[in-house]
C-alpha atoms as a PDB file:
ATOM      1  CA  MET A   1      -2.100  -2.948 -13.007  1.00  0.00           C
ATOM      2  CA  ARG A   2      -3.426  -1.189  -9.920  1.00  0.00           C
ATOM      3  CA  LEU A   3      -1.272   0.341  -7.191  1.00  0.00           C
ATOM      4  CA  TRP A   4      -2.249   1.521  -3.731  1.00  0.00           C
ATOM      5  CA  VAL A   5      -0.276   3.453  -1.157  1.00  0.00           C
ATOM      6  CA  LEU A   6      -1.258   1.845   2.137  1.00  0.00           C
ATOM      7  CA  LEU A   7      -1.657   4.302   5.003  1.00  0.00           C
ATOM      8  CA  GLY A   8      -1.243   3.601   8.689  1.00  0.00           C
ATOM      9  CA  TRP A   9      -2.389   5.457  11.783  1.00  0.00           C
ATOM     10  CA  SER A  10      -0.281   8.379  12.973  1.00  0.00           C
ATOM     11  CA  THR A  11      -0.642   9.147  16.672  1.00  0.00           C
ATOM     12  CA  GLU A  12       0.965  12.525  16.009  1.00  0.00           C
ATOM     13  CA  TYR A  13      -1.753  13.617  13.565  1.00  0.00           C
ATOM     14  CA  GLY A  14      -4.637  11.441  14.778  1.00  0.00           C
ATOM     15  CA  ALA A  15      -5.344  10.085  11.300  1.00  0.00           C
ATOM     16  CA  ALA A  16      -4.190   7.430   8.829  1.00  0.00           C
ATOM     17  CA  VAL A  17      -1.577   9.540   7.040  1.00  0.00           C
ATOM     18  CA  THR A  18       1.622   7.506   7.401  1.00  0.00           C
ATOM     19  CA  ALA A  19       2.627   5.711   4.185  1.00  0.00           C
ATOM     20  CA  VAL A  20       3.516   2.169   5.267  1.00  0.00           C
ATOM     21  CA  ALA A  21       3.644   0.237   1.985  1.00  0.00           C
ATOM     22  CA  VAL A  22       2.767   0.109  -1.674  1.00  0.00           C
ATOM     23  CA  LEU A  23       0.600  -2.747  -2.885  1.00  0.00           C
ATOM     24  CA  GLY A  24       0.336  -3.734  -6.523  1.00  0.00           C
ATOM     25  CA  ILE A  25      -2.218  -6.062  -8.096  1.00  0.00           C
ATOM     26  CA  GLU A  26      -2.229  -7.317 -11.662  1.00  0.00           C
ATOM     27  CA  THR A  27      -4.854  -9.986 -12.404  1.00  0.00           C
ATOM     28  CA  THR A  28      -3.885 -12.747  -9.909  1.00  0.00           C
ATOM     29  CA  GLU A  29      -0.374 -11.468  -9.149  1.00  0.00           C
ATOM     30  CA  THR A  30       0.274  -9.268  -6.114  1.00  0.00           C
ATOM     31  CA  PHE A  31       3.380  -7.554  -4.782  1.00  0.00           C
ATOM     32  CA  VAL A  32       3.865  -5.434  -1.673  1.00  0.00           C
ATOM     33  CA  GLU A  33       6.879  -3.386  -0.630  1.00  0.00           C
ATOM     34  CA  TRP A  34       6.948  -2.128   2.965  1.00  0.00           C
ATOM     35  CA  VAL A  35       8.281   1.295   3.912  1.00  0.00           C
ATOM     36  CA  PRO A  36      11.236   0.877   6.287  1.00  0.00           C
ATOM     37  CA  ARG A  37      10.805   1.822   9.952  1.00  0.00           C
ATOM     38  CA  GLU A  38       7.014   1.961   9.847  1.00  0.00           C
ATOM     39  CA  HIS A  39       6.402  -1.490  11.317  1.00  0.00           C
ATOM     40  CA  GLY A  40       4.081  -0.293  14.084  1.00  0.00           C
ATOM     41  CA  ALA A  41       1.929   1.837  11.789  1.00  0.00           C
ATOM     42  CA  SER A  42       1.734  -1.015   9.265  1.00  0.00           C
ATOM     43  CA  ARG A  43       0.369  -3.593  11.726  1.00  0.00           C
ATOM     44  CA  VAL A  44      -3.248  -3.412  10.523  1.00  0.00           C
ATOM     45  CA  TRP A  45      -2.208  -3.773   6.880  1.00  0.00           C
ATOM     46  CA  ARG A  46       0.124  -6.676   7.637  1.00  0.00           C
ATOM     47  CA  GLU A  47      -2.726  -8.490   9.398  1.00  0.00           C
ATOM     48  CA  ARG A  48      -5.200  -7.778   6.600  1.00  0.00           C
ATOM     49  CA  LEU A  49      -2.886  -8.959   3.843  1.00  0.00           C
ATOM     50  CA  ALA A  50      -1.860 -12.087   5.745  1.00  0.00           C
ATOM     51  CA  GLU A  51      -5.474 -13.178   6.154  1.00  0.00           C
ATOM     52  CA  VAL A  52      -6.852 -12.580   2.644  1.00  0.00           C
ATOM     53  CA  ASP A  53      -6.744 -14.882  -0.358  1.00  0.00           C
ATOM     54  CA  PRO A  54      -4.811 -13.094  -3.131  1.00  0.00           C
ATOM     55  CA  GLN A  55      -7.732 -13.678  -5.516  1.00  0.00           C
ATOM     56  CA  ASP A  56     -10.025 -11.717  -3.177  1.00  0.00           C
ATOM     57  CA  LEU A  57      -7.588  -8.881  -2.565  1.00  0.00           C
ATOM     58  CA  ALA A  58      -8.740  -6.527  -5.332  1.00  0.00           C
ATOM     59  CA  GLY A  59     -12.327  -6.686  -4.073  1.00  0.00           C
ATOM     60  CA  ARG A  60     -11.299  -6.140  -0.475  1.00  0.00           C
ATOM     61  CA  MET A  61      -9.177  -3.098  -1.349  1.00  0.00           C
ATOM     62  CA  ALA A  62     -12.272  -1.085  -2.299  1.00  0.00           C
ATOM     63  CA  LEU A  63     -13.633  -1.609   1.227  1.00  0.00           C
ATOM     64  CA  TRP A  64     -10.361  -1.293   3.110  1.00  0.00           C
ATOM     65  CA  ALA A  65      -9.275   1.843   1.249  1.00  0.00           C
ATOM     66  CA  GLU A  66     -12.131   3.746   2.889  1.00  0.00           C
ATOM     67  CA  THR A  67     -11.497   2.743   6.506  1.00  0.00           C
ATOM     68  CA  ALA A  68     -10.453   5.510   8.872  1.00  0.00           C
ATOM     69  CA  ILE A  69      -7.778   3.672  10.859  1.00  0.00           C
ATOM     70  CA  ALA A  70      -5.805   2.203   7.925  1.00  0.00           C
ATOM     71  CA  SER A  71      -6.880   3.559   4.564  1.00  0.00           C
ATOM     72  CA  ALA A  72      -5.289   3.442   1.122  1.00  0.00           C
ATOM     73  CA  ALA A  73      -4.942   5.727  -1.860  1.00  0.00           C
ATOM     74  CA  GLU A  74      -4.936   4.308  -5.366  1.00  0.00           C
ATOM     75  CA  VAL A  75      -2.176   5.879  -7.478  1.00  0.00           C
ATOM     76  CA  GLU A  76      -1.095   5.775 -11.094  1.00  0.00           C
ATOM     77  CA  PRO A  77       2.155   3.867 -11.690  1.00  0.00           C
ATOM     78  CA  ILE A  78       5.191   6.122 -12.051  1.00  0.00           C
ATOM     79  CA  VAL A  79       6.636   3.582 -14.495  1.00  0.00           C
ATOM     80  CA  PRO A  80       3.505   2.367 -16.335  1.00  0.00           C
ATOM     81  CA  GLU A  81       5.251  -0.078 -18.698  1.00  0.00           C
ATOM     82  CA  ALA A  82       7.202  -1.813 -15.925  1.00  0.00           C
ATOM     83  CA  THR A  83       6.590  -5.174 -14.317  1.00  0.00           C
ATOM     84  CA  LEU A  84       4.454  -5.179 -11.183  1.00  0.00           C
ATOM     85  CA  GLU A  85       7.459  -5.511  -8.879  1.00  0.00           C
ATOM     86  CA  ILE A  86       9.375  -2.669 -10.534  1.00  0.00           C
ATOM     87  CA  ALA A  87       6.289  -0.414 -10.541  1.00  0.00           C
ATOM     88  CA  VAL A  88       5.702  -1.003  -6.818  1.00  0.00           C
ATOM     89  CA  ARG A  89       9.343  -0.418  -5.917  1.00  0.00           C
ATOM     90  CA  ALA A  90       9.461   2.773  -8.012  1.00  0.00           C
ATOM     91  CA  GLN A  91       6.441   4.066  -6.107  1.00  0.00           C
ATOM     92  CA  VAL A  92       8.082   3.315  -2.745  1.00  0.00           C
ATOM     93  CA  ASP A  93      11.260   5.052  -3.901  1.00  0.00           C
ATOM     94  CA  ASP A  94       9.174   8.076  -4.871  1.00  0.00           C
ATOM     95  CA  LEU A  95       7.464   8.093  -1.457  1.00  0.00           C
ATOM     96  CA  LEU A  96      10.779   7.904   0.354  1.00  0.00           C
ATOM     97  CA  GLY A  97      12.253  10.637  -1.822  1.00  0.00           C
ATOM     98  CA  SER A  98       9.316  12.975  -1.221  1.00  0.00           C
ATOM     99  CA  ALA A  99       9.591  12.483   2.551  1.00  0.00           C
ATOM    100  CA  ARG A 100      12.905  14.313   2.682  1.00  0.00           C
END
């Protein structure tokens, strides 16, 4: 299982530092959970994910993670023994909790 925190552009900071979603990939299964109220900053990621075949997603993430306008950070699952969906949701909950 691999998890990425997807980052969107922040006009306030002039960099891709706004967490907009968490994406999980496990073999051919994918799951994404979007951070509420970050629809504008998540636009690039929504377009990317809509246009890619799920089987090609893992390969594309290596390239996309390094882009300046909408990057991503690979993270270790908070709940490593969980299903993909639960692991992704736990990571989003952690992001939202740390934003307070």
